[in-house]
């Protein structure tokens, strides 16, 4: 649907489950739109615990920074 409707040129699907602060344990999938030459590299690391609010805020700043070179 995403590709056929031209919303993106491709997509990644990541399946997640486990102890990720879920009220009800369940399996879920992330569908991540991809675009030609987006230079996005997804590298998943083993679960190591909670991420702090400060770490999340820094990530948000990085993602939203139009000058950030995505490698």
C-alpha atoms as a PDB file:
ATOM      1  CA  UNK A   1       0.000   0.000   0.000  1.00  0.00           C
ATOM      2  CA  UNK A   2       2.758   2.500   0.903  1.00  0.00           C
ATOM      3  CA  UNK A   3       4.732   1.833  -2.268  1.00  0.00           C
ATOM      4  CA  UNK A   4       1.696   1.457  -4.545  1.00  0.00           C
ATOM      5  CA  UNK A   5       0.308   4.798  -3.362  1.00  0.00           C
ATOM      6  CA  UNK A   6       3.740   6.425  -3.949  1.00  0.00           C
ATOM      7  CA  UNK A   7       4.054   7.497  -0.302  1.00  0.00           C
ATOM      8  CA  UNK A   8       7.509   5.939  -0.255  1.00  0.00           C
ATOM      9  CA  UNK A   9       9.725   3.938  -2.571  1.00  0.00           C
ATOM     10  CA  UNK A  10      10.300   1.054  -0.153  1.00  0.00           C
ATOM     11  CA  UNK A  11       9.939   0.130   3.514  1.00  0.00           C
ATOM     12  CA  UNK A  12      11.551  -1.861   6.334  1.00  0.00           C
ATOM     13  CA  UNK A  13       9.632  -4.071   8.740  1.00  0.00           C
ATOM     14  CA  UNK A  14      11.071  -4.655  12.202  1.00  0.00           C
ATOM     15  CA  UNK A  15       9.466  -7.167  14.533  1.00  0.00           C
ATOM     16  CA  UNK A  16       9.772  -6.477  18.256  1.00  0.00           C
ATOM     17  CA  UNK A  17       8.734  -8.328  21.354  1.00  0.00           C
ATOM     18  CA  UNK A  18      10.037  -8.678  24.855  1.00  0.00           C
ATOM     19  CA  UNK A  19      10.276  -6.677  28.067  1.00  0.00           C
ATOM     20  CA  UNK A  20       9.912  -3.199  26.567  1.00  0.00           C
ATOM     21  CA  UNK A  21       7.745  -1.582  29.223  1.00  0.00           C
ATOM     22  CA  UNK A  22       4.590  -3.137  27.840  1.00  0.00           C
ATOM     23  CA  UNK A  23       1.504  -3.288  30.017  1.00  0.00           C
ATOM     24  CA  UNK A  24       0.490  -6.413  28.125  1.00  0.00           C
ATOM     25  CA  UNK A  25       3.257  -8.511  26.560  1.00  0.00           C
ATOM     26  CA  UNK A  26       2.725  -8.700  22.817  1.00  0.00           C
ATOM     27  CA  UNK A  27       4.543  -8.874  19.507  1.00  0.00           C
ATOM     28  CA  UNK A  28       4.485  -5.773  17.360  1.00  0.00           C
ATOM     29  CA  UNK A  29       5.874  -4.612  14.055  1.00  0.00           C
ATOM     30  CA  UNK A  30       7.340  -1.289  13.006  1.00  0.00           C
ATOM     31  CA  UNK A  31       6.825  -0.356   9.358  1.00  0.00           C
ATOM     32  CA  UNK A  32       9.421   2.238   8.439  1.00  0.00           C
ATOM     33  CA  UNK A  33       8.973   4.112   5.156  1.00  0.00           C
ATOM     34  CA  UNK A  34      12.130   4.330   3.041  1.00  0.00           C
ATOM     35  CA  UNK A  35      13.011   6.711   0.246  1.00  0.00           C
ATOM     36  CA  UNK A  36      15.552   6.581  -2.557  1.00  0.00           C
ATOM     37  CA  UNK A  37      18.949   7.793  -1.334  1.00  0.00           C
ATOM     38  CA  UNK A  38      17.705   8.352   2.223  1.00  0.00           C
ATOM     39  CA  UNK A  39      21.014   6.993   3.560  1.00  0.00           C
ATOM     40  CA  UNK A  40      19.238   5.539   6.583  1.00  0.00           C
ATOM     41  CA  UNK A  41      21.055   2.663   8.213  1.00  0.00           C
ATOM     42  CA  UNK A  42      19.192   0.753  10.891  1.00  0.00           C
ATOM     43  CA  UNK A  43      21.498  -1.035  13.289  1.00  0.00           C
ATOM     44  CA  UNK A  44      19.688  -2.794  16.092  1.00  0.00           C
ATOM     45  CA  UNK A  45      21.451  -3.388  19.362  1.00  0.00           C
ATOM     46  CA  UNK A  46      20.539  -5.901  22.060  1.00  0.00           C
ATOM     47  CA  UNK A  47      18.156  -4.553  24.679  1.00  0.00           C
ATOM     48  CA  UNK A  48      20.236  -3.011  27.474  1.00  0.00           C
ATOM     49  CA  UNK A  49      17.632  -1.338  29.622  1.00  0.00           C
ATOM     50  CA  UNK A  50      15.741   1.917  29.736  1.00  0.00           C
ATOM     51  CA  UNK A  51      16.651   4.973  27.717  1.00  0.00           C
ATOM     52  CA  UNK A  52      16.592   8.225  29.641  1.00  0.00           C
ATOM     53  CA  UNK A  53      14.376  11.151  28.665  1.00  0.00           C
ATOM     54  CA  UNK A  54      17.540  13.161  28.037  1.00  0.00           C
ATOM     55  CA  UNK A  55      18.819  10.528  25.582  1.00  0.00           C
ATOM     56  CA  UNK A  56      15.485  10.519  23.758  1.00  0.00           C
ATOM     57  CA  UNK A  57      15.469  14.330  23.565  1.00  0.00           C
ATOM     58  CA  UNK A  58      18.968  14.312  22.069  1.00  0.00           C
ATOM     59  CA  UNK A  59      17.851  11.766  19.489  1.00  0.00           C
ATOM     60  CA  UNK A  60      14.812  13.880  18.591  1.00  0.00           C
ATOM     61  CA  UNK A  61      17.078  16.912  18.083  1.00  0.00           C
ATOM     62  CA  UNK A  62      19.377  14.886  15.853  1.00  0.00           C
ATOM     63  CA  UNK A  63      16.557  13.455  13.748  1.00  0.00           C
ATOM     64  CA  UNK A  64      14.941  16.874  13.301  1.00  0.00           C
ATOM     65  CA  UNK A  65      18.184  18.698  12.479  1.00  0.00           C
ATOM     66  CA  UNK A  66      18.059  19.483   8.727  1.00  0.00           C
ATOM     67  CA  UNK A  67      21.855  19.973   8.718  1.00  0.00           C
ATOM     68  CA  UNK A  68      22.608  16.548  10.170  1.00  0.00           C
ATOM     69  CA  UNK A  69      24.360  14.367   7.604  1.00  0.00           C
ATOM     70  CA  UNK A  70      22.698  10.981   7.619  1.00  0.00           C
ATOM     71  CA  UNK A  71      25.278   8.275   6.913  1.00  0.00           C
END
